[in-house]
N, C-alpha and C. Protein backbone atom coordinates (compact mmCIF):
# COMPACT_ATOMS: atom_id res chain seq x y z
N MET A 1 -3.32 -41.60 41.21
CA MET A 1 -2.95 -40.73 40.10
C MET A 1 -2.71 -41.51 38.80
N LYS A 2 -2.70 -42.85 38.88
CA LYS A 2 -2.42 -43.64 37.69
C LYS A 2 -3.47 -43.43 36.61
N ILE A 3 -4.73 -43.23 37.02
CA ILE A 3 -5.78 -43.04 36.03
C ILE A 3 -5.55 -41.78 35.21
N PHE A 4 -4.94 -40.75 35.80
CA PHE A 4 -4.63 -39.52 35.06
C PHE A 4 -3.70 -39.84 33.89
N GLU A 5 -2.64 -40.58 34.17
CA GLU A 5 -1.68 -40.92 33.12
C GLU A 5 -2.30 -41.87 32.10
N THR A 6 -3.13 -42.78 32.57
CA THR A 6 -3.78 -43.71 31.64
C THR A 6 -4.67 -42.97 30.66
N VAL A 7 -5.44 -42.01 31.16
CA VAL A 7 -6.33 -41.22 30.30
C VAL A 7 -5.51 -40.42 29.29
N LYS A 8 -4.44 -39.77 29.75
CA LYS A 8 -3.63 -38.94 28.85
C LYS A 8 -2.94 -39.78 27.77
N GLN A 9 -2.63 -41.04 28.10
CA GLN A 9 -2.02 -41.92 27.10
C GLN A 9 -3.05 -42.53 26.17
N SER A 10 -4.32 -42.50 26.55
CA SER A 10 -5.37 -43.18 25.78
C SER A 10 -6.16 -42.26 24.86
N VAL A 11 -6.27 -40.97 25.22
CA VAL A 11 -7.10 -40.03 24.46
C VAL A 11 -6.31 -38.77 24.19
N THR A 12 -6.38 -38.29 22.96
CA THR A 12 -5.74 -37.03 22.63
C THR A 12 -6.74 -35.88 22.78
N ALA A 13 -6.20 -34.69 22.86
CA ALA A 13 -7.07 -33.51 22.94
C ALA A 13 -7.92 -33.40 21.67
N ARG A 14 -7.34 -33.79 20.52
CA ARG A 14 -8.11 -33.71 19.27
C ARG A 14 -9.30 -34.68 19.30
N GLN A 15 -9.07 -35.89 19.79
CA GLN A 15 -10.16 -36.86 19.87
C GLN A 15 -11.27 -36.38 20.82
N ALA A 16 -10.87 -35.82 21.94
CA ALA A 16 -11.87 -35.32 22.89
C ALA A 16 -12.65 -34.16 22.29
N ALA A 17 -11.96 -33.26 21.60
CA ALA A 17 -12.63 -32.11 21.00
C ALA A 17 -13.69 -32.56 19.99
N LYS A 18 -13.32 -33.51 19.15
CA LYS A 18 -14.29 -34.02 18.17
C LYS A 18 -15.47 -34.70 18.87
N ALA A 19 -15.16 -35.48 19.90
CA ALA A 19 -16.23 -36.20 20.60
C ALA A 19 -17.19 -35.25 21.30
N TYR A 20 -16.67 -34.08 21.70
CA TYR A 20 -17.49 -33.14 22.44
C TYR A 20 -18.03 -32.00 21.58
N GLY A 21 -18.04 -32.22 20.26
CA GLY A 21 -18.78 -31.33 19.38
C GLY A 21 -18.01 -30.28 18.62
N LEU A 22 -16.69 -30.18 18.77
CA LEU A 22 -15.94 -29.19 18.02
C LEU A 22 -15.70 -29.69 16.60
N GLU A 23 -15.75 -28.78 15.64
CA GLU A 23 -15.43 -29.12 14.25
C GLU A 23 -13.94 -28.89 14.04
N VAL A 24 -13.20 -29.98 13.87
CA VAL A 24 -11.76 -29.91 13.72
C VAL A 24 -11.39 -30.23 12.28
N ASP A 25 -10.63 -29.34 11.64
CA ASP A 25 -10.29 -29.57 10.24
C ASP A 25 -9.14 -30.57 10.12
N VAL A 26 -8.74 -30.85 8.88
CA VAL A 26 -7.74 -31.89 8.65
C VAL A 26 -6.38 -31.51 9.22
N HIS A 27 -6.17 -30.22 9.47
CA HIS A 27 -4.90 -29.75 10.03
C HIS A 27 -4.94 -29.69 11.56
N GLY A 28 -6.05 -30.11 12.14
CA GLY A 28 -6.15 -30.07 13.60
C GLY A 28 -6.49 -28.71 14.15
N MET A 29 -7.07 -27.83 13.33
CA MET A 29 -7.44 -26.49 13.78
C MET A 29 -8.95 -26.41 13.98
N ALA A 30 -9.35 -25.63 15.00
CA ALA A 30 -10.77 -25.46 15.28
C ALA A 30 -11.00 -24.08 15.88
N LEU A 31 -12.25 -23.64 15.86
CA LEU A 31 -12.61 -22.41 16.56
C LEU A 31 -12.46 -22.67 18.06
N CYS A 32 -11.78 -21.78 18.74
CA CYS A 32 -11.53 -21.98 20.16
C CYS A 32 -12.81 -21.70 20.97
N PRO A 33 -13.22 -22.65 21.80
CA PRO A 33 -14.43 -22.44 22.61
C PRO A 33 -14.18 -21.60 23.85
N PHE A 34 -12.92 -21.19 24.06
CA PHE A 34 -12.58 -20.48 25.29
C PHE A 34 -12.52 -18.97 25.13
N HIS A 35 -12.75 -18.48 23.90
CA HIS A 35 -12.86 -17.04 23.68
C HIS A 35 -13.68 -16.82 22.41
N ASP A 36 -14.01 -15.59 22.10
CA ASP A 36 -14.82 -15.25 20.93
C ASP A 36 -13.96 -15.36 19.68
N ASP A 37 -13.92 -16.54 19.13
CA ASP A 37 -13.02 -16.86 18.02
C ASP A 37 -13.77 -16.84 16.69
N HIS A 38 -13.25 -16.08 15.71
CA HIS A 38 -13.88 -15.99 14.39
C HIS A 38 -13.09 -16.72 13.32
N HIS A 39 -11.82 -16.97 13.57
CA HIS A 39 -10.98 -17.74 12.66
C HIS A 39 -10.35 -18.85 13.49
N PRO A 40 -10.32 -20.09 12.99
CA PRO A 40 -9.78 -21.19 13.79
C PRO A 40 -8.38 -20.88 14.32
N SER A 41 -8.24 -20.79 15.62
CA SER A 41 -6.95 -20.48 16.23
C SER A 41 -6.54 -21.54 17.26
N LEU A 42 -7.37 -22.57 17.42
CA LEU A 42 -7.08 -23.62 18.39
C LEU A 42 -6.42 -24.80 17.68
N LYS A 43 -5.20 -25.11 18.05
CA LYS A 43 -4.46 -26.23 17.49
C LYS A 43 -4.62 -27.44 18.40
N LEU A 44 -5.08 -28.54 17.83
CA LEU A 44 -5.36 -29.74 18.61
C LEU A 44 -4.56 -30.92 18.09
N ASP A 45 -3.93 -31.60 19.01
CA ASP A 45 -3.28 -32.87 18.69
C ASP A 45 -3.26 -33.68 19.98
N GLN A 46 -2.11 -34.18 20.39
CA GLN A 46 -2.03 -34.84 21.69
C GLN A 46 -2.41 -33.86 22.79
N ARG A 47 -1.92 -32.63 22.65
CA ARG A 47 -2.27 -31.53 23.55
C ARG A 47 -3.03 -30.47 22.75
N PHE A 48 -3.33 -29.33 23.37
CA PHE A 48 -4.00 -28.26 22.65
C PHE A 48 -3.33 -26.93 22.97
N TYR A 49 -3.38 -26.03 22.01
CA TYR A 49 -2.87 -24.67 22.22
C TYR A 49 -3.66 -23.70 21.37
N CYS A 50 -4.09 -22.59 21.96
CA CYS A 50 -4.81 -21.57 21.22
C CYS A 50 -3.90 -20.40 20.93
N PHE A 51 -3.74 -20.06 19.66
CA PHE A 51 -2.93 -18.92 19.27
C PHE A 51 -3.61 -17.60 19.59
N GLY A 52 -4.91 -17.65 19.90
CA GLY A 52 -5.64 -16.43 20.21
C GLY A 52 -5.59 -16.07 21.68
N CYS A 53 -6.06 -16.96 22.54
CA CYS A 53 -6.16 -16.64 23.97
C CYS A 53 -5.05 -17.26 24.81
N GLY A 54 -4.24 -18.14 24.20
CA GLY A 54 -3.13 -18.74 24.93
C GLY A 54 -3.49 -19.96 25.77
N ALA A 55 -4.76 -20.38 25.73
CA ALA A 55 -5.15 -21.57 26.50
C ALA A 55 -4.37 -22.78 25.99
N SER A 56 -3.90 -23.62 26.93
CA SER A 56 -3.11 -24.77 26.52
C SER A 56 -3.17 -25.84 27.59
N GLY A 57 -2.74 -27.04 27.22
CA GLY A 57 -2.69 -28.12 28.19
C GLY A 57 -2.92 -29.46 27.53
N ASP A 58 -3.18 -30.46 28.36
CA ASP A 58 -3.43 -31.80 27.85
C ASP A 58 -4.93 -32.06 27.74
N VAL A 59 -5.29 -33.28 27.43
CA VAL A 59 -6.70 -33.61 27.21
C VAL A 59 -7.53 -33.43 28.49
N ILE A 60 -6.92 -33.64 29.65
CA ILE A 60 -7.65 -33.44 30.90
C ILE A 60 -7.91 -31.96 31.14
N ASP A 61 -6.90 -31.13 30.90
CA ASP A 61 -7.09 -29.68 31.02
C ASP A 61 -8.18 -29.19 30.07
N PHE A 62 -8.14 -29.71 28.83
CA PHE A 62 -9.12 -29.30 27.82
C PHE A 62 -10.53 -29.64 28.27
N THR A 63 -10.73 -30.86 28.73
CA THR A 63 -12.07 -31.30 29.12
C THR A 63 -12.56 -30.55 30.35
N ALA A 64 -11.68 -30.33 31.31
CA ALA A 64 -12.05 -29.59 32.52
C ALA A 64 -12.46 -28.16 32.18
N LYS A 65 -11.69 -27.52 31.30
CA LYS A 65 -11.98 -26.14 30.92
C LYS A 65 -13.25 -26.06 30.07
N LEU A 66 -13.45 -27.04 29.19
CA LEU A 66 -14.61 -27.03 28.31
C LEU A 66 -15.91 -27.16 29.09
N PHE A 67 -15.91 -28.02 30.10
CA PHE A 67 -17.15 -28.27 30.84
C PHE A 67 -17.21 -27.56 32.19
N GLY A 68 -16.15 -26.81 32.53
CA GLY A 68 -16.15 -26.10 33.80
C GLY A 68 -16.15 -27.02 34.99
N ILE A 69 -15.36 -28.10 34.91
CA ILE A 69 -15.31 -29.07 35.99
C ILE A 69 -13.87 -29.22 36.48
N SER A 70 -13.69 -29.93 37.57
CA SER A 70 -12.35 -30.12 38.12
C SER A 70 -11.58 -31.14 37.28
N PRO A 71 -10.24 -31.14 37.37
CA PRO A 71 -9.45 -32.14 36.64
C PRO A 71 -9.86 -33.58 37.00
N ARG A 72 -10.15 -33.85 38.27
CA ARG A 72 -10.55 -35.20 38.65
C ARG A 72 -11.87 -35.59 37.97
N GLU A 73 -12.83 -34.63 37.94
CA GLU A 73 -14.10 -34.90 37.27
C GLU A 73 -13.89 -35.09 35.77
N ALA A 74 -12.94 -34.33 35.21
CA ALA A 74 -12.65 -34.46 33.79
C ALA A 74 -12.08 -35.84 33.48
N VAL A 75 -11.21 -36.34 34.36
CA VAL A 75 -10.65 -37.68 34.17
C VAL A 75 -11.75 -38.73 34.21
N GLN A 76 -12.65 -38.59 35.17
CA GLN A 76 -13.75 -39.55 35.28
C GLN A 76 -14.63 -39.52 34.03
N LYS A 77 -14.91 -38.31 33.55
CA LYS A 77 -15.75 -38.16 32.36
C LYS A 77 -15.08 -38.80 31.14
N LEU A 78 -13.80 -38.51 30.95
CA LEU A 78 -13.08 -39.07 29.81
C LEU A 78 -13.03 -40.60 29.89
N ALA A 79 -12.77 -41.12 31.09
CA ALA A 79 -12.70 -42.57 31.26
C ALA A 79 -14.04 -43.22 30.92
N GLU A 80 -15.13 -42.59 31.35
CA GLU A 80 -16.45 -43.14 31.06
C GLU A 80 -16.80 -43.00 29.58
N ASP A 81 -16.55 -41.81 29.01
CA ASP A 81 -16.95 -41.55 27.63
C ASP A 81 -16.14 -42.35 26.62
N PHE A 82 -14.89 -42.66 26.96
CA PHE A 82 -14.02 -43.38 26.03
C PHE A 82 -13.77 -44.83 26.45
N GLY A 83 -14.45 -45.27 27.50
CA GLY A 83 -14.33 -46.66 27.93
C GLY A 83 -12.92 -47.04 28.30
N ILE A 84 -12.26 -46.19 29.09
CA ILE A 84 -10.86 -46.42 29.44
C ILE A 84 -10.76 -47.26 30.70
N ASN A 85 -9.94 -48.30 30.63
CA ASN A 85 -9.64 -49.13 31.79
C ASN A 85 -8.72 -48.34 32.72
N PRO A 86 -9.04 -48.24 34.01
CA PRO A 86 -8.20 -47.45 34.91
C PRO A 86 -6.80 -47.99 35.12
N ARG A 87 -6.55 -49.23 34.69
CA ARG A 87 -5.20 -49.77 34.82
C ARG A 87 -4.31 -49.17 33.75
N PRO A 88 -3.17 -48.61 34.13
CA PRO A 88 -2.29 -47.97 33.15
C PRO A 88 -1.62 -48.98 32.25
N PRO A 89 -1.22 -48.58 31.05
CA PRO A 89 -0.48 -49.49 30.17
C PRO A 89 0.85 -49.88 30.81
N THR A 90 1.32 -51.06 30.48
CA THR A 90 2.56 -51.56 31.09
C THR A 90 3.77 -50.80 30.59
N GLU A 91 3.71 -50.31 29.37
CA GLU A 91 4.83 -49.56 28.83
C GLU A 91 4.31 -48.26 28.24
N VAL A 92 5.03 -47.20 28.52
CA VAL A 92 4.67 -45.89 28.01
C VAL A 92 5.86 -45.35 27.23
N HIS A 93 5.61 -45.06 25.99
CA HIS A 93 6.68 -44.50 25.15
C HIS A 93 6.61 -42.99 25.20
N ILE A 94 7.66 -42.37 25.68
CA ILE A 94 7.73 -40.90 25.73
C ILE A 94 8.74 -40.45 24.70
N PRO A 95 8.29 -39.72 23.68
CA PRO A 95 9.23 -39.28 22.65
C PRO A 95 10.30 -38.35 23.22
N LYS A 96 11.49 -38.50 22.72
CA LYS A 96 12.59 -37.65 23.17
C LYS A 96 12.48 -36.26 22.56
N ARG A 97 12.82 -35.26 23.37
CA ARG A 97 12.83 -33.89 22.87
C ARG A 97 14.25 -33.51 22.49
N HIS A 98 14.35 -32.74 21.45
CA HIS A 98 15.66 -32.27 21.02
C HIS A 98 16.18 -31.25 22.01
N ALA A 99 17.43 -31.39 22.39
CA ALA A 99 18.00 -30.45 23.35
C ALA A 99 18.12 -29.06 22.74
N GLU A 100 18.46 -29.00 21.47
CA GLU A 100 18.61 -27.72 20.80
C GLU A 100 17.80 -27.72 19.51
N PRO A 101 16.98 -26.67 19.26
CA PRO A 101 16.22 -26.59 18.02
C PRO A 101 17.12 -26.32 16.83
N ARG A 102 16.68 -26.72 15.69
CA ARG A 102 17.44 -26.47 14.47
C ARG A 102 17.38 -24.99 14.11
N PRO A 103 18.52 -24.36 13.82
CA PRO A 103 18.53 -22.93 13.52
C PRO A 103 17.64 -22.56 12.33
N ASP A 104 17.56 -23.45 11.32
CA ASP A 104 16.73 -23.11 10.16
C ASP A 104 15.26 -23.04 10.53
N LEU A 105 14.82 -23.87 11.48
CA LEU A 105 13.43 -23.82 11.93
C LEU A 105 13.17 -22.56 12.75
N GLU A 106 14.13 -22.17 13.57
CA GLU A 106 13.99 -20.92 14.32
C GLU A 106 13.83 -19.76 13.35
N ARG A 107 14.67 -19.73 12.33
CA ARG A 107 14.62 -18.63 11.38
C ARG A 107 13.30 -18.62 10.62
N LEU A 108 12.82 -19.80 10.24
CA LEU A 108 11.54 -19.88 9.54
C LEU A 108 10.42 -19.34 10.43
N CYS A 109 10.40 -19.75 11.69
CA CYS A 109 9.35 -19.29 12.60
C CYS A 109 9.38 -17.78 12.76
N ILE A 110 10.58 -17.22 12.91
CA ILE A 110 10.70 -15.77 13.06
C ILE A 110 10.22 -15.05 11.81
N CYS A 111 10.60 -15.56 10.64
CA CYS A 111 10.20 -14.93 9.38
C CYS A 111 8.68 -14.96 9.20
N VAL A 112 8.06 -16.11 9.46
CA VAL A 112 6.62 -16.23 9.28
C VAL A 112 5.88 -15.34 10.27
N LEU A 113 6.34 -15.34 11.53
CA LEU A 113 5.69 -14.51 12.55
C LEU A 113 5.82 -13.03 12.24
N ARG A 114 6.97 -12.62 11.76
CA ARG A 114 7.16 -11.21 11.38
C ARG A 114 6.22 -10.83 10.23
N ASP A 115 6.10 -11.73 9.27
CA ASP A 115 5.23 -11.46 8.14
C ASP A 115 3.77 -11.37 8.59
N TYR A 116 3.39 -12.25 9.48
CA TYR A 116 2.03 -12.23 10.02
C TYR A 116 1.79 -10.94 10.82
N LEU A 117 2.79 -10.53 11.59
CA LEU A 117 2.65 -9.32 12.39
C LEU A 117 2.47 -8.10 11.49
N ARG A 118 3.21 -8.04 10.39
CA ARG A 118 3.04 -6.92 9.45
C ARG A 118 1.62 -6.90 8.89
N LEU A 119 1.11 -8.09 8.56
CA LEU A 119 -0.25 -8.18 8.03
C LEU A 119 -1.27 -7.74 9.07
N LEU A 120 -1.08 -8.16 10.31
CA LEU A 120 -2.00 -7.77 11.38
C LEU A 120 -2.01 -6.25 11.57
N ARG A 121 -0.86 -5.63 11.47
CA ARG A 121 -0.78 -4.17 11.65
C ARG A 121 -1.44 -3.43 10.49
N ILE A 122 -1.32 -4.00 9.30
CA ILE A 122 -2.03 -3.42 8.15
C ILE A 122 -3.53 -3.51 8.38
N TRP A 123 -4.00 -4.66 8.83
CA TRP A 123 -5.43 -4.84 9.09
C TRP A 123 -5.92 -3.89 10.18
N ARG A 124 -5.08 -3.69 11.20
CA ARG A 124 -5.49 -2.82 12.31
C ARG A 124 -5.75 -1.40 11.80
N LEU A 125 -4.93 -0.93 10.88
CA LEU A 125 -5.09 0.42 10.35
C LEU A 125 -6.17 0.49 9.27
N ARG A 126 -6.18 -0.51 8.40
CA ARG A 126 -7.05 -0.45 7.23
C ARG A 126 -8.51 -0.73 7.55
N TYR A 127 -8.75 -1.59 8.54
CA TYR A 127 -10.13 -2.04 8.77
C TYR A 127 -10.70 -1.60 10.12
N GLU A 128 -10.08 -0.62 10.73
CA GLU A 128 -10.62 -0.10 11.99
C GLU A 128 -11.99 0.54 11.71
N PRO A 129 -13.01 0.24 12.54
CA PRO A 129 -14.33 0.84 12.31
C PRO A 129 -14.27 2.36 12.29
N ALA A 130 -14.93 2.95 11.32
CA ALA A 130 -14.89 4.40 11.17
C ALA A 130 -15.71 5.10 12.25
N GLU A 131 -16.77 4.47 12.69
CA GLU A 131 -17.67 5.07 13.67
C GLU A 131 -17.93 4.08 14.81
N PRO A 132 -18.13 4.59 16.03
CA PRO A 132 -18.51 3.70 17.14
C PRO A 132 -19.80 2.94 16.82
N GLY A 133 -19.83 1.68 17.11
CA GLY A 133 -21.02 0.89 16.85
C GLY A 133 -21.06 0.29 15.47
N GLU A 134 -20.13 0.68 14.59
CA GLU A 134 -20.09 0.12 13.24
C GLU A 134 -19.65 -1.34 13.32
N PRO A 135 -20.23 -2.25 12.52
CA PRO A 135 -19.83 -3.66 12.56
C PRO A 135 -18.32 -3.82 12.36
N MET A 136 -17.72 -4.67 13.16
CA MET A 136 -16.27 -4.85 13.13
C MET A 136 -15.87 -5.87 12.07
N ASP A 137 -14.95 -5.49 11.21
CA ASP A 137 -14.42 -6.41 10.21
C ASP A 137 -13.63 -7.52 10.90
N ASP A 138 -13.77 -8.75 10.37
CA ASP A 138 -13.07 -9.90 10.98
C ASP A 138 -11.56 -9.69 11.00
N ARG A 139 -11.02 -9.01 10.00
CA ARG A 139 -9.58 -8.81 9.95
C ARG A 139 -9.11 -7.86 11.06
N PHE A 140 -9.90 -6.82 11.33
CA PHE A 140 -9.57 -5.92 12.44
C PHE A 140 -9.65 -6.68 13.77
N ALA A 141 -10.69 -7.50 13.92
CA ALA A 141 -10.84 -8.29 15.15
C ALA A 141 -9.66 -9.24 15.33
N GLU A 142 -9.23 -9.87 14.22
CA GLU A 142 -8.09 -10.79 14.31
C GLU A 142 -6.82 -10.06 14.70
N SER A 143 -6.63 -8.85 14.16
CA SER A 143 -5.44 -8.09 14.50
C SER A 143 -5.42 -7.74 15.98
N CYS A 144 -6.57 -7.35 16.52
CA CYS A 144 -6.65 -7.03 17.95
C CYS A 144 -6.39 -8.28 18.80
N GLN A 145 -6.87 -9.40 18.31
CA GLN A 145 -6.80 -10.65 19.06
C GLN A 145 -5.41 -11.27 19.03
N MET A 146 -4.72 -11.17 17.90
CA MET A 146 -3.51 -11.96 17.69
C MET A 146 -2.20 -11.18 17.86
N GLU A 147 -2.23 -9.85 17.78
CA GLU A 147 -0.97 -9.10 17.75
C GLU A 147 -0.13 -9.32 19.01
N ALA A 148 -0.76 -9.32 20.17
CA ALA A 148 0.00 -9.51 21.40
C ALA A 148 0.63 -10.91 21.45
N THR A 149 -0.11 -11.92 21.00
CA THR A 149 0.42 -13.28 21.00
C THR A 149 1.61 -13.41 20.06
N VAL A 150 1.49 -12.84 18.86
CA VAL A 150 2.59 -12.92 17.90
C VAL A 150 3.82 -12.18 18.43
N ASN A 151 3.61 -11.02 19.05
CA ASN A 151 4.72 -10.28 19.64
C ASN A 151 5.40 -11.10 20.75
N PHE A 152 4.58 -11.77 21.54
CA PHE A 152 5.14 -12.61 22.61
C PHE A 152 6.00 -13.73 22.03
N PHE A 153 5.49 -14.40 20.99
CA PHE A 153 6.25 -15.48 20.36
C PHE A 153 7.57 -14.96 19.78
N LEU A 154 7.50 -13.81 19.11
CA LEU A 154 8.72 -13.25 18.52
C LEU A 154 9.74 -12.88 19.60
N ASP A 155 9.28 -12.26 20.67
CA ASP A 155 10.19 -11.90 21.76
C ASP A 155 10.86 -13.14 22.34
N ALA A 156 10.08 -14.22 22.51
CA ALA A 156 10.62 -15.45 23.07
C ALA A 156 11.68 -16.05 22.14
N LEU A 157 11.43 -15.99 20.84
CA LEU A 157 12.37 -16.58 19.88
C LEU A 157 13.63 -15.75 19.70
N ILE A 158 13.48 -14.43 19.77
CA ILE A 158 14.61 -13.55 19.44
C ILE A 158 15.46 -13.22 20.67
N VAL A 159 14.82 -12.89 21.78
CA VAL A 159 15.58 -12.46 22.96
C VAL A 159 15.26 -13.30 24.20
N GLY A 160 14.45 -14.34 24.06
CA GLY A 160 14.04 -15.12 25.22
C GLY A 160 15.10 -16.09 25.70
N ASP A 161 14.91 -16.57 26.94
CA ASP A 161 15.78 -17.60 27.49
C ASP A 161 15.52 -18.92 26.76
N PRO A 162 16.44 -19.88 26.88
CA PRO A 162 16.27 -21.15 26.16
C PRO A 162 14.95 -21.88 26.45
N ALA A 163 14.50 -21.88 27.71
CA ALA A 163 13.30 -22.65 28.05
C ALA A 163 12.05 -22.12 27.35
N PRO A 164 11.73 -20.80 27.46
CA PRO A 164 10.54 -20.32 26.74
C PRO A 164 10.70 -20.39 25.23
N ARG A 165 11.93 -20.21 24.72
CA ARG A 165 12.14 -20.32 23.27
C ARG A 165 11.83 -21.73 22.79
N GLU A 166 12.26 -22.72 23.56
CA GLU A 166 12.01 -24.11 23.17
C GLU A 166 10.52 -24.43 23.22
N ARG A 167 9.81 -23.88 24.22
CA ARG A 167 8.37 -24.14 24.32
C ARG A 167 7.63 -23.54 23.13
N VAL A 168 8.00 -22.31 22.75
CA VAL A 168 7.36 -21.67 21.60
C VAL A 168 7.65 -22.44 20.33
N LEU A 169 8.88 -22.87 20.15
CA LEU A 169 9.22 -23.65 18.96
C LEU A 169 8.46 -24.96 18.92
N GLU A 170 8.29 -25.58 20.07
CA GLU A 170 7.55 -26.84 20.12
C GLU A 170 6.11 -26.63 19.66
N VAL A 171 5.51 -25.53 20.10
CA VAL A 171 4.13 -25.22 19.70
C VAL A 171 4.05 -24.96 18.21
N LEU A 172 5.01 -24.22 17.67
CA LEU A 172 4.95 -23.80 16.27
C LEU A 172 5.35 -24.91 15.29
N VAL A 173 6.31 -25.72 15.67
CA VAL A 173 6.87 -26.71 14.74
C VAL A 173 6.12 -28.04 14.80
N LYS A 174 5.65 -28.41 15.99
CA LYS A 174 5.00 -29.70 16.14
C LYS A 174 3.78 -29.78 15.23
N ASP A 175 3.66 -30.84 14.48
CA ASP A 175 2.53 -31.10 13.58
C ASP A 175 2.38 -30.06 12.47
N GLY A 176 3.46 -29.32 12.21
CA GLY A 176 3.43 -28.40 11.08
C GLY A 176 2.64 -27.12 11.27
N SER A 177 2.43 -26.67 12.50
CA SER A 177 1.64 -25.46 12.74
C SER A 177 2.23 -24.25 12.03
N ILE A 178 3.56 -24.13 12.03
CA ILE A 178 4.18 -22.95 11.43
C ILE A 178 3.97 -22.95 9.91
N TYR A 179 3.92 -24.14 9.31
CA TYR A 179 3.70 -24.22 7.86
C TYR A 179 2.25 -23.87 7.51
N GLU A 180 1.33 -24.24 8.40
CA GLU A 180 -0.07 -23.86 8.21
C GLU A 180 -0.22 -22.34 8.31
N LEU A 181 0.47 -21.75 9.29
CA LEU A 181 0.43 -20.29 9.43
C LEU A 181 1.07 -19.62 8.22
N GLN A 182 2.16 -20.18 7.73
CA GLN A 182 2.83 -19.63 6.55
C GLN A 182 1.87 -19.61 5.35
N ALA A 183 1.15 -20.73 5.14
CA ALA A 183 0.21 -20.80 4.03
C ALA A 183 -0.95 -19.82 4.24
N TYR A 184 -1.42 -19.72 5.48
CA TYR A 184 -2.53 -18.81 5.78
C TYR A 184 -2.12 -17.35 5.51
N VAL A 185 -0.93 -16.96 5.96
CA VAL A 185 -0.47 -15.59 5.75
C VAL A 185 -0.32 -15.31 4.25
N GLY A 186 0.26 -16.28 3.52
CA GLY A 186 0.41 -16.08 2.08
C GLY A 186 -0.92 -15.89 1.39
N LYS A 187 -1.91 -16.68 1.78
CA LYS A 187 -3.25 -16.58 1.18
C LYS A 187 -3.90 -15.23 1.51
N ARG A 188 -3.82 -14.82 2.79
CA ARG A 188 -4.46 -13.57 3.17
C ARG A 188 -3.76 -12.35 2.57
N LYS A 189 -2.45 -12.44 2.37
CA LYS A 189 -1.73 -11.34 1.73
C LYS A 189 -2.19 -11.14 0.29
N LYS A 190 -2.46 -12.25 -0.39
CA LYS A 190 -2.92 -12.14 -1.77
C LYS A 190 -4.26 -11.42 -1.87
N GLU A 191 -5.04 -11.48 -0.81
CA GLU A 191 -6.36 -10.85 -0.81
C GLU A 191 -6.30 -9.35 -0.54
N GLU A 192 -5.12 -8.88 -0.10
CA GLU A 192 -4.98 -7.46 0.25
C GLU A 192 -4.51 -6.63 -0.94
N PRO A 193 -5.15 -5.49 -1.18
CA PRO A 193 -4.68 -4.60 -2.25
C PRO A 193 -3.24 -4.16 -2.00
N GLY A 194 -2.40 -4.33 -3.01
CA GLY A 194 -1.02 -3.88 -2.90
C GLY A 194 -0.12 -4.82 -2.12
N HIS A 195 -0.65 -5.98 -1.73
CA HIS A 195 0.16 -6.93 -0.98
C HIS A 195 0.09 -8.32 -1.59
N ALA A 196 -0.03 -8.40 -2.88
CA ALA A 196 -0.12 -9.69 -3.57
C ALA A 196 1.25 -10.35 -3.58
N GLY A 197 1.25 -11.61 -3.86
CA GLY A 197 2.50 -12.36 -3.95
C GLY A 197 2.65 -13.37 -2.86
N LYS A 198 3.48 -14.34 -3.12
CA LYS A 198 3.66 -15.40 -2.15
C LYS A 198 4.60 -14.96 -1.05
N TYR A 199 4.46 -15.60 0.11
CA TYR A 199 5.35 -15.35 1.23
C TYR A 199 6.77 -15.75 0.84
N GLN A 200 7.71 -14.85 1.12
CA GLN A 200 9.11 -15.13 0.82
C GLN A 200 9.87 -15.29 2.13
N PRO A 201 10.45 -16.47 2.39
CA PRO A 201 11.19 -16.66 3.64
C PRO A 201 12.47 -15.85 3.65
N CYS A 202 13.02 -15.65 4.85
CA CYS A 202 14.27 -14.90 4.98
C CYS A 202 15.39 -15.63 4.27
N ALA A 203 16.29 -14.89 3.78
CA ALA A 203 17.43 -15.48 3.09
C ALA A 203 18.44 -16.00 4.09
């Protein structure tokens, strides 16, 4: 099992995604290859998480899912493709996790998610196809795709137990994902009639 840990310490999910053909922007976002994604919803760094379909895991999980192979085969592929020595590093630094999240970050996440949820609901009503078979607007598709995920995140933050709340916060806060979502929501709101203006955080 040492090779599993060696691979995870040597290659990030973002590096693997780029090597295997995904276009990853400067913020670590890409179109998710695991569902019909029209707006980049896959967050890639050391691990990966999709805000659309919920797919998540480490670089081995990502590679196995991408190529439809077993985790062991994924490890072998990564080791070969990245020239990884099967001997594990002598020292592994594991960053410490905060026992309790900062209340201001919790509040920011809740505010941004609520604002995004309002926007998704507007899109669901405003851009629903008028007739069966009519081309689907990307905003309507995004609302159908993301509303359940956003509701799940909000429920976890507001009424969830500590463990799922901490996991959601880790996904949203790590590498600035919540700030990227905040900027995205502000930009998309400006494009909507009657919804101009910058995102205003909760007081």
